[in-house]
Amino acid sequence: MRTAAIRIILLFLFISLTIVFTSMVQPQAMLLGMEFDVRVINGFRDNSSLPLVIWCSTERGDLGGRALQEGDDFGWTVRIELWGAREYLCTTKWDSRRKSFDAFRAPRDSRRCGLTRKCSWLVRDDGFYFSSDEVNWIKDFSWF
């Protein structure tokens, strides 16, 4: 009887230590099953004749492309799974400008997308802005 209780305690301890160790070595493991909404918005003004062209993909496949008119958006949901995609790369083109960027990267965005798990990008003529609430936008980088 006592031996069985000790085995259960040791098993519980082993599982707990494995979880702690895994989260330290691979923080993404603690994110398993979490979902994030990613959205890229055309924030240009007065560009009705020239859309923002966007094409997004992941290591597991293409999400496809869109031609976004002023105010239009392209969005998708990311679910963090053990073997699932954790990085989404988008290439944007507007007029002669072209820029590729990580629209979602689990290690970076799991924290900055906040409790809402919203990862939004607003593309403007002066650069790319990030927000987790679509109210407060912070310029992340420029076109060049």
N, C-alpha and C. Protein backbone atom coordinates (compact mmCIF):
# COMPACT_ATOMS: atom_id res chain seq x y z
N MET A 1 0.83 -1.18 0.00
CA MET A 1 0.00 0.00 0.00
C MET A 1 0.87 1.25 0.00
N ARG A 2 1.86 1.27 0.89
CA ARG A 2 2.75 2.42 1.00
C ARG A 2 3.58 2.58 -0.28
N THR A 3 4.00 1.46 -0.87
CA THR A 3 4.78 1.49 -2.10
C THR A 3 3.97 2.09 -3.24
N ALA A 4 2.70 1.76 -3.33
CA ALA A 4 1.83 2.31 -4.38
C ALA A 4 1.69 3.82 -4.23
N ALA A 5 1.55 4.30 -3.01
CA ALA A 5 1.42 5.75 -2.77
C ALA A 5 2.71 6.47 -3.15
N ILE A 6 3.84 5.87 -2.84
CA ILE A 6 5.13 6.48 -3.20
C ILE A 6 5.29 6.52 -4.71
N ARG A 7 4.87 5.48 -5.40
CA ARG A 7 4.95 5.45 -6.87
C ARG A 7 4.07 6.54 -7.48
N ILE A 8 2.90 6.72 -6.93
CA ILE A 8 1.99 7.77 -7.45
C ILE A 8 2.60 9.14 -7.22
N ILE A 9 3.16 9.37 -6.06
CA ILE A 9 3.79 10.66 -5.76
C ILE A 9 4.97 10.90 -6.69
N LEU A 10 5.79 9.86 -6.89
CA LEU A 10 6.94 10.00 -7.79
C LEU A 10 6.50 10.25 -9.23
N LEU A 11 5.46 9.59 -9.67
CA LEU A 11 4.93 9.81 -11.01
C LEU A 11 4.42 11.24 -11.16
N PHE A 12 3.68 11.71 -10.17
CA PHE A 12 3.18 13.08 -10.19
C PHE A 12 4.35 14.08 -10.22
N LEU A 13 5.36 13.84 -9.43
CA LEU A 13 6.54 14.70 -9.39
C LEU A 13 7.26 14.69 -10.73
N PHE A 14 7.40 13.52 -11.34
CA PHE A 14 8.05 13.41 -12.64
C PHE A 14 7.29 14.19 -13.70
N ILE A 15 5.98 14.04 -13.74
CA ILE A 15 5.16 14.76 -14.72
C ILE A 15 5.25 16.26 -14.50
N SER A 16 5.19 16.70 -13.25
CA SER A 16 5.28 18.13 -12.94
C SER A 16 6.62 18.70 -13.38
N LEU A 17 7.70 18.00 -13.08
CA LEU A 17 9.03 18.48 -13.47
C LEU A 17 9.19 18.49 -14.99
N THR A 18 8.61 17.52 -15.67
CA THR A 18 8.66 17.49 -17.14
C THR A 18 7.96 18.70 -17.72
N ILE A 19 6.80 19.05 -17.19
CA ILE A 19 6.06 20.21 -17.67
C ILE A 19 6.86 21.49 -17.42
N VAL A 20 7.42 21.63 -16.24
CA VAL A 20 8.21 22.83 -15.91
C VAL A 20 9.42 22.91 -16.82
N PHE A 21 10.15 21.82 -17.00
CA PHE A 21 11.34 21.81 -17.84
C PHE A 21 10.99 22.13 -19.29
N THR A 22 9.92 21.53 -19.79
CA THR A 22 9.50 21.78 -21.18
C THR A 22 9.12 23.23 -21.38
N SER A 23 8.45 23.83 -20.43
CA SER A 23 8.06 25.24 -20.58
C SER A 23 9.27 26.16 -20.54
N MET A 24 10.33 25.75 -19.84
CA MET A 24 11.54 26.57 -19.80
C MET A 24 12.34 26.43 -21.09
N VAL A 25 12.43 25.22 -21.61
CA VAL A 25 13.19 24.97 -22.82
C VAL A 25 12.40 25.40 -24.05
N GLN A 26 11.12 25.10 -24.07
CA GLN A 26 10.24 25.44 -25.18
C GLN A 26 9.02 26.17 -24.64
N PRO A 27 9.10 27.50 -24.50
CA PRO A 27 7.95 28.23 -23.97
C PRO A 27 6.67 28.02 -24.77
N GLN A 28 6.82 27.68 -26.06
CA GLN A 28 5.64 27.49 -26.90
C GLN A 28 4.81 26.31 -26.42
N ALA A 29 5.42 25.37 -25.73
CA ALA A 29 4.69 24.19 -25.25
C ALA A 29 3.55 24.61 -24.34
N MET A 30 3.73 25.69 -23.60
CA MET A 30 2.68 26.16 -22.70
C MET A 30 1.54 26.83 -23.47
N LEU A 31 1.76 27.11 -24.75
CA LEU A 31 0.76 27.77 -25.58
C LEU A 31 -0.13 26.78 -26.33
N LEU A 32 0.16 25.50 -26.21
CA LEU A 32 -0.58 24.50 -26.99
C LEU A 32 -2.07 24.67 -26.80
N GLY A 33 -2.77 24.67 -27.92
CA GLY A 33 -4.21 24.79 -27.91
C GLY A 33 -4.72 26.23 -27.94
N MET A 34 -3.83 27.19 -27.74
CA MET A 34 -4.27 28.60 -27.76
C MET A 34 -4.52 29.05 -29.19
N GLU A 35 -5.48 29.96 -29.36
CA GLU A 35 -5.80 30.51 -30.67
C GLU A 35 -5.56 32.01 -30.67
N PHE A 36 -5.05 32.51 -31.80
CA PHE A 36 -4.79 33.92 -31.99
C PHE A 36 -5.45 34.35 -33.30
N ASP A 37 -6.06 35.52 -33.28
CA ASP A 37 -6.63 36.09 -34.50
C ASP A 37 -5.63 37.08 -35.08
N VAL A 38 -5.24 36.82 -36.33
CA VAL A 38 -4.29 37.68 -37.03
C VAL A 38 -5.05 38.41 -38.13
N ARG A 39 -4.76 39.70 -38.26
CA ARG A 39 -5.48 40.52 -39.23
C ARG A 39 -4.53 41.56 -39.82
N VAL A 40 -4.54 41.69 -41.14
CA VAL A 40 -3.76 42.71 -41.82
C VAL A 40 -4.75 43.62 -42.53
N ILE A 41 -4.65 44.93 -42.24
CA ILE A 41 -5.62 45.91 -42.73
C ILE A 41 -4.94 46.89 -43.67
N ASN A 42 -5.59 47.20 -44.78
CA ASN A 42 -5.10 48.24 -45.68
C ASN A 42 -5.46 49.59 -45.06
N GLY A 43 -4.45 50.28 -44.55
CA GLY A 43 -4.66 51.57 -43.90
C GLY A 43 -4.29 52.76 -44.77
N PHE A 44 -4.08 52.52 -46.06
CA PHE A 44 -3.77 53.62 -46.95
C PHE A 44 -4.99 54.51 -47.11
N ARG A 45 -4.74 55.77 -47.36
CA ARG A 45 -5.83 56.70 -47.63
C ARG A 45 -5.77 57.13 -49.08
N ASP A 46 -6.92 57.26 -49.69
CA ASP A 46 -7.02 57.72 -51.09
C ASP A 46 -6.23 56.84 -52.05
N ASN A 47 -6.32 55.51 -51.89
CA ASN A 47 -5.65 54.63 -52.83
C ASN A 47 -6.64 53.70 -53.51
N SER A 48 -7.83 54.20 -53.78
CA SER A 48 -8.89 53.35 -54.31
C SER A 48 -8.51 52.73 -55.65
N SER A 49 -7.60 53.35 -56.39
CA SER A 49 -7.24 52.78 -57.69
C SER A 49 -6.05 51.82 -57.58
N LEU A 50 -5.40 51.78 -56.43
CA LEU A 50 -4.22 50.94 -56.27
C LEU A 50 -4.33 50.13 -54.98
N PRO A 51 -4.71 48.85 -55.09
CA PRO A 51 -4.90 48.04 -53.88
C PRO A 51 -3.56 47.63 -53.25
N LEU A 52 -3.63 47.26 -52.01
CA LEU A 52 -2.50 46.65 -51.31
C LEU A 52 -2.61 45.15 -51.59
N VAL A 53 -1.60 44.59 -52.23
CA VAL A 53 -1.60 43.17 -52.56
C VAL A 53 -0.83 42.44 -51.46
N ILE A 54 -1.43 41.38 -50.93
CA ILE A 54 -0.81 40.64 -49.84
C ILE A 54 -0.91 39.14 -50.12
N TRP A 55 0.17 38.43 -49.81
CA TRP A 55 0.22 36.98 -49.96
C TRP A 55 0.85 36.42 -48.69
N CYS A 56 0.18 35.50 -48.02
CA CYS A 56 0.68 34.96 -46.76
C CYS A 56 0.84 33.44 -46.84
N SER A 57 1.85 32.96 -46.13
CA SER A 57 2.10 31.52 -46.11
C SER A 57 2.72 31.13 -44.77
N THR A 58 2.78 29.84 -44.57
CA THR A 58 3.38 29.28 -43.37
C THR A 58 4.22 28.09 -43.81
N GLU A 59 5.00 27.55 -42.91
CA GLU A 59 5.83 26.40 -43.27
C GLU A 59 4.98 25.19 -43.65
N ARG A 60 3.70 25.25 -43.33
CA ARG A 60 2.81 24.13 -43.66
C ARG A 60 1.96 24.37 -44.91
N GLY A 61 2.08 25.57 -45.52
CA GLY A 61 1.31 25.82 -46.74
C GLY A 61 0.92 27.27 -46.91
N ASP A 62 0.27 27.53 -48.03
CA ASP A 62 -0.16 28.89 -48.39
C ASP A 62 -1.52 29.23 -47.80
N LEU A 63 -1.67 30.47 -47.39
CA LEU A 63 -2.98 30.99 -47.01
C LEU A 63 -3.63 31.68 -48.20
N GLY A 64 -2.82 31.96 -49.20
CA GLY A 64 -3.32 32.62 -50.40
C GLY A 64 -3.06 34.11 -50.38
N GLY A 65 -3.57 34.77 -51.39
CA GLY A 65 -3.35 36.20 -51.53
C GLY A 65 -4.64 36.96 -51.70
N ARG A 66 -4.55 38.25 -51.52
CA ARG A 66 -5.70 39.14 -51.66
C ARG A 66 -5.23 40.48 -52.21
N ALA A 67 -6.13 41.17 -52.85
CA ALA A 67 -5.92 42.55 -53.25
C ALA A 67 -6.86 43.38 -52.37
N LEU A 68 -6.31 44.10 -51.42
CA LEU A 68 -7.11 44.82 -50.44
C LEU A 68 -7.28 46.28 -50.84
N GLN A 69 -8.51 46.70 -50.97
CA GLN A 69 -8.80 48.10 -51.20
C GLN A 69 -8.74 48.83 -49.87
N GLU A 70 -8.80 50.12 -49.89
CA GLU A 70 -8.74 50.94 -48.68
C GLU A 70 -9.74 50.45 -47.63
N GLY A 71 -9.22 50.13 -46.43
CA GLY A 71 -10.06 49.67 -45.32
C GLY A 71 -10.32 48.17 -45.30
N ASP A 72 -10.02 47.46 -46.39
CA ASP A 72 -10.23 46.01 -46.42
C ASP A 72 -9.19 45.31 -45.55
N ASP A 73 -9.50 44.07 -45.17
CA ASP A 73 -8.56 43.31 -44.36
C ASP A 73 -8.48 41.86 -44.81
N PHE A 74 -7.42 41.21 -44.38
CA PHE A 74 -7.19 39.79 -44.62
C PHE A 74 -6.86 39.20 -43.26
N GLY A 75 -7.64 38.24 -42.80
CA GLY A 75 -7.43 37.69 -41.47
C GLY A 75 -7.56 36.18 -41.43
N TRP A 76 -7.00 35.60 -40.39
CA TRP A 76 -7.06 34.17 -40.17
C TRP A 76 -6.83 33.89 -38.69
N THR A 77 -7.14 32.66 -38.29
CA THR A 77 -6.94 32.23 -36.91
C THR A 77 -5.77 31.26 -36.86
N VAL A 78 -4.89 31.48 -35.89
CA VAL A 78 -3.74 30.61 -35.67
C VAL A 78 -4.02 29.79 -34.42
N ARG A 79 -3.88 28.50 -34.53
CA ARG A 79 -4.01 27.62 -33.36
C ARG A 79 -2.65 26.98 -33.13
N ILE A 80 -2.11 27.19 -31.95
CA ILE A 80 -0.80 26.65 -31.62
C ILE A 80 -0.96 25.17 -31.26
N GLU A 81 -0.34 24.33 -32.06
CA GLU A 81 -0.36 22.90 -31.82
C GLU A 81 1.07 22.39 -31.86
N LEU A 82 1.27 21.21 -31.34
CA LEU A 82 2.61 20.66 -31.24
C LEU A 82 3.31 20.62 -32.59
N TRP A 83 2.62 20.15 -33.62
CA TRP A 83 3.24 20.05 -34.95
C TRP A 83 2.72 21.10 -35.90
N GLY A 84 1.95 22.05 -35.42
CA GLY A 84 1.34 23.05 -36.28
C GLY A 84 2.27 24.20 -36.62
N ALA A 85 1.78 25.04 -37.50
CA ALA A 85 2.54 26.21 -37.92
C ALA A 85 2.62 27.23 -36.80
N ARG A 86 3.78 27.82 -36.64
CA ARG A 86 3.97 28.82 -35.60
C ARG A 86 4.44 30.14 -36.17
N GLU A 87 4.72 30.18 -37.46
CA GLU A 87 5.16 31.41 -38.10
C GLU A 87 4.39 31.61 -39.40
N TYR A 88 3.93 32.84 -39.59
CA TYR A 88 3.20 33.21 -40.80
C TYR A 88 3.90 34.39 -41.44
N LEU A 89 4.37 34.20 -42.65
CA LEU A 89 5.10 35.23 -43.38
C LEU A 89 4.17 35.81 -44.44
N CYS A 90 4.11 37.14 -44.49
CA CYS A 90 3.31 37.81 -45.51
C CYS A 90 4.21 38.70 -46.36
N THR A 91 3.93 38.72 -47.64
CA THR A 91 4.60 39.63 -48.56
C THR A 91 3.56 40.61 -49.05
N THR A 92 3.87 41.88 -48.94
CA THR A 92 2.95 42.93 -49.38
C THR A 92 3.56 43.71 -50.52
N LYS A 93 2.68 44.22 -51.38
CA LYS A 93 3.12 45.04 -52.50
C LYS A 93 2.13 46.18 -52.68
N TRP A 94 2.66 47.38 -52.79
CA TRP A 94 1.84 48.53 -53.08
C TRP A 94 2.67 49.45 -53.97
N ASP A 95 2.16 49.71 -55.16
CA ASP A 95 2.89 50.50 -56.16
C ASP A 95 4.24 49.82 -56.39
N SER A 96 5.34 50.53 -56.23
CA SER A 96 6.66 49.92 -56.45
C SER A 96 7.26 49.38 -55.14
N ARG A 97 6.54 49.52 -54.05
CA ARG A 97 7.03 49.06 -52.75
C ARG A 97 6.68 47.59 -52.53
N ARG A 98 7.63 46.89 -51.96
CA ARG A 98 7.43 45.48 -51.64
C ARG A 98 8.09 45.20 -50.30
N LYS A 99 7.40 44.45 -49.43
CA LYS A 99 7.94 44.16 -48.11
C LYS A 99 7.41 42.82 -47.61
N SER A 100 8.31 41.99 -47.08
CA SER A 100 7.91 40.75 -46.42
C SER A 100 8.07 40.95 -44.92
N PHE A 101 7.15 40.38 -44.16
CA PHE A 101 7.23 40.50 -42.71
C PHE A 101 6.55 39.31 -42.04
N ASP A 102 6.96 39.05 -40.81
CA ASP A 102 6.33 38.00 -40.01
C ASP A 102 5.04 38.54 -39.44
N ALA A 103 3.91 38.11 -39.98
CA ALA A 103 2.61 38.57 -39.48
C ALA A 103 2.29 37.92 -38.14
N PHE A 104 2.81 36.72 -37.94
CA PHE A 104 2.66 36.05 -36.65
C PHE A 104 3.85 35.14 -36.43
N ARG A 105 4.41 35.24 -35.24
CA ARG A 105 5.50 34.36 -34.79
C ARG A 105 5.21 34.03 -33.34
N ALA A 106 4.94 32.78 -33.05
CA ALA A 106 4.48 32.37 -31.71
C ALA A 106 5.34 32.89 -30.57
N PRO A 107 6.67 32.74 -30.62
CA PRO A 107 7.45 33.22 -29.47
C PRO A 107 7.31 34.73 -29.23
N ARG A 108 7.24 35.50 -30.29
CA ARG A 108 7.13 36.95 -30.17
C ARG A 108 5.70 37.38 -29.84
N ASP A 109 4.73 36.84 -30.54
CA ASP A 109 3.37 37.37 -30.47
C ASP A 109 2.51 36.77 -29.37
N SER A 110 2.91 35.67 -28.79
CA SER A 110 2.11 35.09 -27.71
C SER A 110 2.01 36.06 -26.54
N ARG A 111 3.01 36.92 -26.38
CA ARG A 111 2.97 37.92 -25.30
C ARG A 111 2.36 39.23 -25.77
N ARG A 112 2.81 39.71 -26.92
CA ARG A 112 2.38 41.06 -27.31
C ARG A 112 0.97 41.13 -27.87
N CYS A 113 0.37 40.00 -28.20
CA CYS A 113 -1.01 40.03 -28.67
C CYS A 113 -1.99 40.15 -27.52
N GLY A 114 -1.48 40.06 -26.30
CA GLY A 114 -2.28 40.34 -25.12
C GLY A 114 -3.32 39.29 -24.79
N LEU A 115 -4.14 39.65 -23.81
CA LEU A 115 -5.18 38.74 -23.35
C LEU A 115 -6.26 38.52 -24.40
N THR A 116 -6.41 39.49 -25.31
CA THR A 116 -7.41 39.36 -26.37
C THR A 116 -6.99 38.38 -27.44
N ARG A 117 -5.68 38.10 -27.49
CA ARG A 117 -5.09 37.23 -28.52
C ARG A 117 -5.37 37.75 -29.92
N LYS A 118 -5.41 39.07 -30.04
CA LYS A 118 -5.57 39.73 -31.34
C LYS A 118 -4.22 40.30 -31.77
N CYS A 119 -3.83 39.96 -32.98
CA CYS A 119 -2.56 40.42 -33.54
C CYS A 119 -2.91 41.13 -34.85
N SER A 120 -3.03 42.44 -34.79
CA SER A 120 -3.48 43.20 -35.95
C SER A 120 -2.37 44.07 -36.51
N TRP A 121 -2.35 44.14 -37.83
CA TRP A 121 -1.39 44.97 -38.56
C TRP A 121 -2.14 45.98 -39.41
N LEU A 122 -1.71 47.23 -39.36
CA LEU A 122 -2.26 48.29 -40.18
C LEU A 122 -1.14 48.75 -41.10
N VAL A 123 -1.34 48.58 -42.40
CA VAL A 123 -0.31 48.94 -43.37
C VAL A 123 -0.63 50.32 -43.93
N ARG A 124 0.32 51.24 -43.76
CA ARG A 124 0.16 52.61 -44.24
C ARG A 124 1.31 52.97 -45.16
N ASP A 125 1.24 54.15 -45.74
CA ASP A 125 2.29 54.56 -46.67
C ASP A 125 3.64 54.76 -45.98
N ASP A 126 3.66 55.00 -44.66
CA ASP A 126 4.92 55.21 -43.95
C ASP A 126 5.40 53.97 -43.19
N GLY A 127 4.63 52.87 -43.21
CA GLY A 127 5.10 51.67 -42.54
C GLY A 127 4.00 50.76 -42.05
N PHE A 128 4.40 49.84 -41.18
CA PHE A 128 3.54 48.79 -40.66
C PHE A 128 3.35 48.99 -39.17
N TYR A 129 2.10 49.04 -38.75
CA TYR A 129 1.74 49.32 -37.36
C TYR A 129 1.12 48.07 -36.76
N PHE A 130 1.45 47.82 -35.48
CA PHE A 130 0.92 46.65 -34.77
C PHE A 130 0.00 47.10 -33.63
N SER A 131 -1.03 46.29 -33.37
CA SER A 131 -1.94 46.56 -32.26
C SER A 131 -2.54 45.25 -31.76
N SER A 132 -2.79 45.19 -30.47
CA SER A 132 -3.50 44.04 -29.92
C SER A 132 -4.95 44.38 -29.61
N ASP A 133 -5.33 45.66 -29.83
CA ASP A 133 -6.71 46.06 -29.56
C ASP A 133 -7.34 46.88 -30.70
N GLU A 134 -6.57 47.14 -31.74
CA GLU A 134 -7.01 47.93 -32.90
C GLU A 134 -7.45 49.34 -32.53
N VAL A 135 -6.95 49.83 -31.40
CA VAL A 135 -7.17 51.20 -30.97
C VAL A 135 -5.82 51.91 -30.88
N ASN A 136 -4.88 51.27 -30.20
CA ASN A 136 -3.55 51.82 -30.00
C ASN A 136 -2.57 51.15 -30.97
N TRP A 137 -2.13 51.90 -31.95
CA TRP A 137 -1.24 51.37 -32.98
C TRP A 137 0.18 51.86 -32.73
N ILE A 138 1.14 50.94 -32.84
CA ILE A 138 2.55 51.28 -32.66
C ILE A 138 3.29 50.89 -33.94
N LYS A 139 4.03 51.85 -34.47
CA LYS A 139 4.78 51.56 -35.69
C LYS A 139 5.87 50.55 -35.39
N ASP A 140 5.83 49.43 -36.12
CA ASP A 140 6.79 48.35 -35.90
C ASP A 140 7.98 48.47 -36.85
N PHE A 141 7.71 48.84 -38.10
CA PHE A 141 8.81 49.01 -39.06
C PHE A 141 8.30 49.76 -40.30
N SER A 142 9.26 50.27 -41.07
CA SER A 142 8.96 51.03 -42.29
C SER A 142 9.02 50.11 -43.51
N TRP A 143 8.63 50.65 -44.64
CA TRP A 143 8.68 49.91 -45.90
C TRP A 143 10.13 49.60 -46.29
N PHE A 144 11.01 50.52 -46.00
CA PHE A 144 12.41 50.34 -46.46
C PHE A 144 13.34 50.21 -45.29
